[in-house]
N, C-alpha and C. Protein backbone atom coordinates (compact mmCIF):
# COMPACT_ATOMS: atom_id res chain seq x y z
N MET A 1 -36.60 15.04 20.50
CA MET A 1 -36.77 14.64 19.19
C MET A 1 -35.72 15.22 18.29
N ASP A 2 -35.33 16.52 18.50
CA ASP A 2 -34.30 17.22 17.75
C ASP A 2 -33.01 16.67 18.04
N LEU A 3 -32.68 16.16 19.21
CA LEU A 3 -31.53 15.60 19.57
C LEU A 3 -31.21 14.29 18.88
N VAL A 4 -32.41 13.50 18.83
CA VAL A 4 -32.24 12.19 18.08
C VAL A 4 -31.92 12.38 16.65
N LEU A 5 -32.67 13.39 15.96
CA LEU A 5 -32.38 13.71 14.56
C LEU A 5 -31.01 14.22 14.31
N LEU A 6 -30.50 14.99 15.21
CA LEU A 6 -29.08 15.45 15.14
C LEU A 6 -28.07 14.22 15.28
N ILE A 7 -28.35 13.35 16.20
CA ILE A 7 -27.45 12.22 16.35
C ILE A 7 -27.43 11.31 15.08
N ILE A 8 -28.62 11.08 14.59
CA ILE A 8 -28.80 10.31 13.31
C ILE A 8 -28.08 10.97 12.18
N LEU A 9 -28.21 12.34 12.04
CA LEU A 9 -27.53 13.05 11.03
C LEU A 9 -26.06 12.90 11.15
N LEU A 10 -25.49 13.05 12.34
CA LEU A 10 -24.06 12.90 12.59
C LEU A 10 -23.51 11.55 12.25
N VAL A 11 -24.37 10.47 12.61
CA VAL A 11 -23.94 9.12 12.31
C VAL A 11 -23.86 8.92 10.70
N LEU A 12 -24.96 9.47 10.05
CA LEU A 12 -25.01 9.34 8.61
C LEU A 12 -23.79 10.06 7.99
N LEU A 13 -23.51 11.25 8.49
CA LEU A 13 -22.33 11.97 7.87
C LEU A 13 -21.03 11.26 8.18
N THR A 14 -20.90 10.63 9.38
CA THR A 14 -19.70 9.83 9.62
C THR A 14 -19.56 8.63 8.65
N GLY A 15 -20.72 8.08 8.35
CA GLY A 15 -20.64 6.88 7.47
C GLY A 15 -20.43 7.23 5.98
N THR A 16 -20.67 8.50 5.66
CA THR A 16 -20.36 8.75 4.23
C THR A 16 -18.92 9.22 3.97
N ILE A 17 -18.06 9.31 4.97
CA ILE A 17 -16.69 9.63 4.80
C ILE A 17 -15.99 8.51 4.34
N PRO A 18 -15.23 8.47 3.18
CA PRO A 18 -14.63 7.36 2.68
C PRO A 18 -13.26 7.11 3.28
N ARG A 19 -13.28 6.90 4.64
CA ARG A 19 -12.09 6.76 5.34
C ARG A 19 -11.65 5.32 5.46
N TRP A 20 -12.56 4.43 5.52
CA TRP A 20 -12.24 3.04 5.76
C TRP A 20 -12.16 2.34 4.47
N ASN A 21 -11.25 1.20 4.44
CA ASN A 21 -11.00 0.48 3.19
C ASN A 21 -12.19 0.03 2.44
N ASP A 22 -13.14 -0.50 3.22
CA ASP A 22 -14.40 -1.07 2.51
C ASP A 22 -15.18 -0.01 1.93
N SER A 23 -15.12 1.18 2.36
CA SER A 23 -15.99 2.32 1.82
C SER A 23 -15.33 3.23 0.77
N ARG A 24 -14.06 2.92 0.48
CA ARG A 24 -13.39 3.77 -0.51
C ARG A 24 -13.84 3.59 -1.95
N ASN A 25 -14.50 2.48 -2.25
CA ASN A 25 -14.89 2.17 -3.67
C ASN A 25 -16.39 2.57 -3.75
N TRP A 26 -17.05 3.04 -2.78
CA TRP A 26 -18.50 3.37 -2.96
C TRP A 26 -18.72 4.58 -3.81
N GLY A 27 -17.82 5.52 -3.84
CA GLY A 27 -17.94 6.67 -4.80
C GLY A 27 -18.93 7.75 -4.01
N TYR A 28 -19.72 8.36 -4.83
CA TYR A 28 -20.52 9.40 -4.33
C TYR A 28 -22.02 8.87 -3.82
N GLY A 29 -22.14 7.55 -3.95
CA GLY A 29 -23.53 7.10 -3.52
C GLY A 29 -24.05 7.39 -2.14
N PRO A 30 -23.28 7.09 -1.11
CA PRO A 30 -23.75 7.42 0.32
C PRO A 30 -23.99 8.93 0.38
N SER A 31 -23.14 9.80 0.01
CA SER A 31 -23.35 11.17 0.22
C SER A 31 -24.50 11.76 -0.66
N GLY A 32 -24.68 11.13 -1.74
CA GLY A 32 -25.82 11.55 -2.65
C GLY A 32 -27.08 11.17 -2.02
N LEU A 33 -27.14 9.99 -1.44
CA LEU A 33 -28.34 9.50 -0.75
C LEU A 33 -28.60 10.43 0.52
N LEU A 34 -27.62 10.81 1.28
CA LEU A 34 -27.78 11.57 2.38
C LEU A 34 -28.30 13.06 1.89
N THR A 35 -27.81 13.47 0.75
CA THR A 35 -28.29 14.83 0.34
C THR A 35 -29.79 14.73 -0.04
N VAL A 36 -30.19 13.61 -0.65
CA VAL A 36 -31.63 13.42 -1.03
C VAL A 36 -32.52 13.36 0.30
N ILE A 37 -32.05 12.74 1.36
CA ILE A 37 -32.77 12.65 2.53
C ILE A 37 -32.83 13.93 3.18
N LEU A 38 -31.74 14.79 3.24
CA LEU A 38 -31.75 16.09 3.87
C LEU A 38 -32.73 17.09 3.04
N VAL A 39 -32.71 16.98 1.74
CA VAL A 39 -33.58 17.80 1.00
C VAL A 39 -35.10 17.46 1.25
N ALA A 40 -35.27 16.14 1.33
CA ALA A 40 -36.73 15.69 1.64
C ALA A 40 -37.12 16.16 2.97
N VAL A 41 -36.34 16.08 3.98
CA VAL A 41 -36.60 16.67 5.32
C VAL A 41 -36.88 18.12 5.33
N LEU A 42 -35.97 18.88 4.67
CA LEU A 42 -36.18 20.27 4.58
C LEU A 42 -37.52 20.70 3.84
N VAL A 43 -37.89 19.94 2.75
CA VAL A 43 -39.07 20.14 2.04
C VAL A 43 -40.28 19.89 2.99
N LEU A 44 -40.19 18.98 3.82
CA LEU A 44 -41.33 18.67 4.74
C LEU A 44 -41.33 19.61 6.00
N ILE A 45 -40.10 20.24 6.37
CA ILE A 45 -40.18 21.14 7.47
C ILE A 45 -40.70 22.48 7.06
N PHE A 46 -40.26 22.98 5.93
CA PHE A 46 -40.72 24.39 5.68
C PHE A 46 -42.20 24.54 5.48
N PRO A 47 -42.96 23.68 4.84
CA PRO A 47 -44.42 23.92 4.77
C PRO A 47 -45.12 23.51 6.09
N GLY A 48 -44.45 23.00 6.97
CA GLY A 48 -45.04 22.65 8.29
C GLY A 48 -45.54 21.25 8.51
N HIS A 49 -45.13 20.34 7.61
CA HIS A 49 -45.54 18.94 7.77
C HIS A 49 -44.85 18.37 8.94
N ILE A 50 -43.61 18.67 9.16
CA ILE A 50 -42.83 18.23 10.40
C ILE A 50 -42.62 19.54 11.25
N PRO A 51 -43.20 19.44 12.46
CA PRO A 51 -43.03 20.62 13.33
C PRO A 51 -41.64 20.90 13.65
N ARG A 52 -41.29 22.24 13.68
CA ARG A 52 -39.94 22.67 14.14
C ARG A 52 -40.05 23.01 15.62
N ARG A 53 -39.14 22.66 16.42
CA ARG A 53 -39.10 23.03 17.78
C ARG A 53 -37.70 23.53 18.16
N PHE A 54 -37.33 24.67 17.54
CA PHE A 54 -36.12 25.23 17.86
C PHE A 54 -36.25 26.44 18.79
């Protein structure tokens, strides 16, 4: 499960890099959305709603 989440995170991070011509005009939208998702996951992990297996 942790490996799947790590792979998804890496794919999302790769998608937010404005390297390709079609994504140069997106601005901060994708990286802001990724930040919101990461904060939501961290908020769920710390109280124990999502179990940590590290």
